[in-house]
N, C-alpha and C. Protein backbone atom coordinates (compact mmCIF):
# COMPACT_ATOMS: atom_id res chain seq x y z
N UNK A 1 0.83 -0.80 -0.17
CA UNK A 1 0.19 -0.28 -0.49
C UNK A 1 0.82 1.15 -0.11
N UNK A 2 1.19 2.08 -0.84
CA UNK A 2 1.72 3.25 -1.05
C UNK A 2 0.82 4.80 -0.79
N UNK A 3 -0.31 4.56 -0.29
CA UNK A 3 -1.09 5.55 -0.62
C UNK A 3 -0.66 6.43 0.66
N UNK A 4 -0.85 7.66 0.93
CA UNK A 4 0.12 8.41 2.32
C UNK A 4 -1.78 8.25 2.96
N UNK A 5 -1.48 8.18 4.17
CA UNK A 5 -3.05 8.55 4.96
C UNK A 5 -3.68 9.60 5.12
N UNK A 6 -4.70 9.66 4.29
CA UNK A 6 -5.23 11.08 4.56
C UNK A 6 -5.51 11.48 6.28
N UNK A 7 -5.89 10.39 7.31
CA UNK A 7 -5.99 10.64 9.13
C UNK A 7 -4.60 11.55 9.45
N UNK A 8 -3.61 11.34 9.08
CA UNK A 8 -2.36 11.83 9.75
C UNK A 8 -2.28 13.41 9.79
N UNK A 9 -2.37 13.80 11.13
CA UNK A 9 -1.64 14.95 10.85
C UNK A 9 -0.95 15.97 10.18
N UNK A 10 -1.37 16.50 9.72
CA UNK A 10 0.62 17.30 9.64
C UNK A 10 0.76 18.65 10.52
N UNK A 11 1.64 17.77 11.58
CA UNK A 11 2.32 18.53 12.76
C UNK A 11 3.57 19.69 12.58
N UNK A 12 3.29 21.00 12.07
CA UNK A 12 3.89 22.04 11.29
C UNK A 12 3.74 23.47 13.14
N UNK A 13 4.84 24.08 13.65
CA UNK A 13 4.81 24.66 14.71
C UNK A 13 5.62 26.16 14.58
N UNK A 14 4.82 27.13 14.16
CA UNK A 14 5.65 28.50 14.02
C UNK A 14 6.66 28.94 14.67
N UNK A 15 7.72 29.27 14.06
CA UNK A 15 8.98 29.57 14.81
C UNK A 15 8.46 30.95 15.85
N UNK A 16 7.20 31.54 15.29
CA UNK A 16 7.53 32.57 15.73
C UNK A 16 6.52 32.65 17.14
N UNK A 17 5.93 31.44 17.33
CA UNK A 17 5.20 31.02 18.37
C UNK A 17 5.79 30.83 19.49
N UNK A 18 7.05 30.55 19.95
CA UNK A 18 8.05 30.74 20.15
C UNK A 18 8.38 31.80 21.32
N UNK A 19 8.39 31.63 23.01
CA UNK A 19 8.71 32.66 23.41
C UNK A 19 9.72 33.35 23.44
N UNK A 20 9.57 35.00 23.52
CA UNK A 20 10.78 35.77 23.19
C UNK A 20 11.65 35.52 24.81
N UNK A 21 13.04 35.40 24.37
CA UNK A 21 14.09 35.33 25.73
C UNK A 21 14.71 36.18 25.95
N UNK A 22 13.60 36.77 26.92
CA UNK A 22 14.98 38.00 28.35
C UNK A 22 15.95 38.09 28.19
N UNK A 23 15.79 39.00 29.46
CA UNK A 23 17.26 39.23 29.86
C UNK A 23 16.26 38.21 31.34
N UNK A 24 15.44 38.90 32.23
CA UNK A 24 15.07 37.75 33.19
C UNK A 24 15.67 36.36 32.77
N UNK A 25 14.78 36.11 32.00
CA UNK A 25 15.30 34.40 31.10
C UNK A 25 16.31 34.36 32.07
N UNK A 26 17.74 35.02 30.94
CA UNK A 26 18.44 34.44 31.14
C UNK A 26 19.91 34.15 32.57
N UNK A 27 18.50 35.37 33.41
CA UNK A 27 18.98 35.76 34.80
C UNK A 27 18.55 34.53 35.59
N UNK A 28 17.83 34.02 35.38
CA UNK A 28 16.70 32.34 36.09
C UNK A 28 18.10 31.44 35.84
N UNK A 29 19.14 31.61 34.71
CA UNK A 29 19.59 29.68 33.91
C UNK A 29 20.42 30.09 35.24
N UNK A 30 20.89 28.60 35.19
CA UNK A 30 21.97 27.83 36.11
C UNK A 30 23.25 27.39 34.95
N UNK A 31 24.08 28.05 35.85
CA UNK A 31 26.18 27.83 34.85
C UNK A 31 26.25 26.56 35.16
N UNK A 32 26.89 25.46 34.40
CA UNK A 32 26.71 24.57 34.63
C UNK A 32 28.39 24.18 34.04
N UNK A 33 29.51 23.44 34.41
CA UNK A 33 30.96 22.61 33.23
C UNK A 33 30.56 21.74 33.96
N UNK A 34 30.13 20.79 32.52
CA UNK A 34 29.82 19.86 33.14
C UNK A 34 28.16 19.39 33.28
N UNK A 35 28.64 19.02 34.88
CA UNK A 35 27.43 18.24 35.38
C UNK A 35 27.57 19.55 36.57
N UNK A 36 29.02 20.41 36.70
CA UNK A 36 29.22 21.08 37.95
C UNK A 36 28.50 22.07 38.10
N UNK A 37 27.68 22.81 39.16
CA UNK A 37 27.41 23.56 38.42
C UNK A 37 27.67 25.06 39.36
N UNK A 38 28.75 26.43 38.61
CA UNK A 38 29.59 27.09 39.17
C UNK A 38 28.74 28.59 39.06
N UNK A 39 29.68 29.66 39.06
CA UNK A 39 28.96 30.61 39.42
C UNK A 39 29.07 31.63 37.69
N UNK A 40 28.45 32.37 37.56
CA UNK A 40 28.51 33.73 35.97
C UNK A 40 30.19 33.86 35.92
N UNK A 41 29.91 33.78 36.51
CA UNK A 41 32.16 34.49 36.18
C UNK A 41 32.83 33.46 35.91
N UNK A 42 32.45 32.32 36.65
CA UNK A 42 33.51 30.98 36.51
C UNK A 42 33.23 29.93 34.66
N UNK A 43 31.84 30.36 34.36
CA UNK A 43 31.34 30.15 33.30
C UNK A 43 32.12 30.79 31.99
N UNK A 44 32.40 32.17 32.28
CA UNK A 44 32.59 32.44 31.46
C UNK A 44 34.09 32.82 31.01
N UNK A 45 34.84 32.42 32.06
CA UNK A 45 35.84 32.17 32.10
C UNK A 45 35.98 31.18 31.23
N UNK A 46 35.51 30.09 31.58
CA UNK A 46 35.34 28.19 30.80
C UNK A 46 35.67 29.18 29.86
N UNK A 47 34.35 29.53 29.01
CA UNK A 47 33.85 29.98 27.51
C UNK A 47 34.95 30.45 26.88
N UNK A 48 35.78 31.18 28.06
CA UNK A 48 36.63 32.49 26.64
C UNK A 48 37.83 31.65 26.90
N UNK A 49 38.03 30.69 27.64
CA UNK A 49 39.28 29.98 27.53
C UNK A 49 40.04 29.53 25.99
N UNK A 50 40.62 29.28 25.47
CA UNK A 50 41.39 28.38 23.79
C UNK A 50 40.74 27.38 23.83
N UNK A 51 40.54 26.75 22.62
CA UNK A 51 39.95 25.29 22.85
C UNK A 51 40.70 24.95 22.09
N UNK A 52 41.30 23.43 21.41
CA UNK A 52 42.16 22.96 20.87
C UNK A 52 43.62 22.98 21.51
N UNK A 53 44.20 22.18 19.93
CA UNK A 53 45.89 22.53 20.54
C UNK A 53 46.69 23.72 20.66
N UNK A 54 47.91 23.10 21.56
CA UNK A 54 47.76 24.83 21.92
C UNK A 54 49.13 25.28 21.08
N UNK A 55 48.80 26.93 21.62
CA UNK A 55 49.80 27.01 20.49
C UNK A 55 51.29 27.06 20.51
N UNK A 56 52.22 26.73 19.09
CA UNK A 56 53.69 26.19 19.47
C UNK A 56 54.31 27.12 19.90
N UNK A 57 55.98 26.78 19.70
CA UNK A 57 56.95 28.10 19.85
C UNK A 57 56.98 29.45 19.29
N UNK A 58 56.67 29.01 17.92
CA UNK A 58 56.95 29.72 16.44
C UNK A 58 58.53 30.22 16.57
N UNK A 59 59.50 29.38 16.51
CA UNK A 59 60.24 28.86 16.56
C UNK A 59 60.83 28.42 15.58
N UNK A 60 59.99 27.00 14.94
CA UNK A 60 60.12 25.93 14.31
C UNK A 60 59.64 26.19 13.17
N UNK A 61 60.31 25.40 12.07
CA UNK A 61 59.28 25.23 10.57
C UNK A 61 58.79 23.41 10.18
N UNK A 62 57.53 23.61 9.68
CA UNK A 62 57.47 22.51 8.77
C UNK A 62 57.95 22.50 7.84
N UNK A 63 57.61 20.95 7.19
CA UNK A 63 59.66 21.41 6.36
C UNK A 63 59.38 19.79 6.19
N UNK A 64 59.07 19.17 4.69
CA UNK A 64 59.77 17.52 4.24
C UNK A 64 60.01 17.08 4.23
N UNK A 65 61.17 16.50 4.71
CA UNK A 65 62.43 15.41 4.32
C UNK A 65 62.56 13.45 4.54
N UNK A 66 63.14 13.81 3.84
CA UNK A 66 63.14 11.59 3.72
C UNK A 66 65.23 11.27 4.27
N UNK A 67 64.30 10.42 5.05
CA UNK A 67 65.23 9.79 6.19
C UNK A 67 65.41 8.38 5.65
N UNK A 68 66.31 8.12 5.95
CA UNK A 68 66.46 6.06 5.61
C UNK A 68 65.85 5.70 6.54
N UNK A 69 64.91 4.42 6.20
CA UNK A 69 64.21 3.96 7.14
C UNK A 69 65.07 2.97 8.12
N UNK A 70 65.86 2.97 8.37
CA UNK A 70 66.13 2.51 9.70
C UNK A 70 66.81 3.70 10.04
N UNK A 71 66.66 4.55 9.56
CA UNK A 71 67.02 5.86 10.93
C UNK A 71 65.53 6.72 11.43
N UNK A 72 64.35 6.80 10.78
CA UNK A 72 63.15 7.06 10.30
C UNK A 72 63.24 6.20 12.22
N UNK A 73 63.60 4.46 12.27
CA UNK A 73 62.74 3.53 12.77
C UNK A 73 63.43 3.69 13.87
N UNK A 74 65.43 4.05 14.15
CA UNK A 74 65.41 3.46 15.16
C UNK A 74 65.48 4.51 16.44
N UNK A 75 65.00 6.52 15.68
CA UNK A 75 63.72 7.48 16.20
C UNK A 75 62.85 6.89 16.72
N UNK A 76 61.65 6.38 16.07
CA UNK A 76 60.39 6.08 16.30
C UNK A 76 60.39 4.88 17.50
N UNK A 77 61.28 3.80 17.37
CA UNK A 77 61.82 3.37 17.86
C UNK A 77 61.34 3.52 19.90
N UNK A 78 62.21 4.91 20.12
CA UNK A 78 62.63 5.01 21.74
C UNK A 78 61.45 6.63 21.98
N UNK A 79 60.07 5.70 21.36
CA UNK A 79 58.92 6.73 21.79
C UNK A 79 58.67 8.01 21.67
N UNK A 80 57.35 8.16 22.24
CA UNK A 80 57.01 9.44 22.45
C UNK A 80 58.21 10.38 22.38
N UNK A 81 58.14 11.49 21.71
CA UNK A 81 58.98 12.93 21.42
C UNK A 81 60.01 12.18 20.67
N UNK A 82 59.64 11.41 20.06
CA UNK A 82 60.96 10.90 18.87
C UNK A 82 61.49 12.41 18.07
N UNK A 83 61.11 13.08 17.74
CA UNK A 83 61.20 13.75 16.62
C UNK A 83 61.60 14.79 17.43
N UNK A 84 61.51 15.31 19.35
CA UNK A 84 62.39 16.32 19.84
C UNK A 84 63.69 15.72 20.02
N UNK A 85 63.86 14.10 20.21
CA UNK A 85 65.20 13.89 19.66
C UNK A 85 65.49 13.82 18.66
N UNK A 86 65.43 13.58 17.70
CA UNK A 86 66.17 13.84 16.78
C UNK A 86 66.44 15.34 16.60
N UNK A 87 65.52 16.41 16.68
CA UNK A 87 65.88 17.66 16.26
C UNK A 87 66.94 17.65 17.33
N UNK A 88 67.14 17.15 18.53
CA UNK A 88 68.41 17.35 19.46
C UNK A 88 69.05 17.17 18.59
N UNK A 89 69.72 15.85 18.32
CA UNK A 89 70.67 15.13 17.52
C UNK A 89 70.67 16.03 16.41
N UNK A 90 70.12 16.40 15.82
CA UNK A 90 70.74 17.06 14.57
C UNK A 90 71.36 18.72 14.72
N UNK A 91 70.70 19.58 16.46
CA UNK A 91 71.66 20.64 16.79
C UNK A 91 73.33 20.53 17.44
N UNK A 92 73.28 19.08 18.00
CA UNK A 92 74.47 18.51 18.35
C UNK A 92 75.61 18.19 17.38
N UNK A 93 74.62 17.54 16.51
CA UNK A 93 75.93 17.47 14.94
C UNK A 93 76.42 19.10 14.82
N UNK A 94 75.22 20.22 14.54
CA UNK A 94 75.64 21.12 14.24
C UNK A 94 76.32 22.09 14.70
N UNK A 95 76.12 22.11 16.11
CA UNK A 95 76.88 22.53 17.02
C UNK A 95 78.80 22.18 16.90
N UNK A 96 79.04 20.73 16.66
CA UNK A 96 80.31 20.46 16.78
C UNK A 96 80.60 20.59 15.29
N UNK A 97 80.72 20.63 13.87
CA UNK A 97 81.14 20.99 12.84
C UNK A 97 80.92 22.13 12.53
């Protein structure tokens, strides 16, 4: 049966029927961070924090470079921070040459 039932009421809500959001409405609100109720100042301070990855030092330049597989594998095998250790090794080489 592909015929739409004529008895189904069409539900439509006029967006103009929504109540106006007044200053009083917002004054009654409860400020939360997660499940914790906090003051308005605490909530605004949290909202003002910058999200995402922290800004870098600004002294490094992104580039593409090719290394021998065994060199890269040796640094990666040392775990997290291998890029910093590789950078330090290159700086040490530069200071001695």
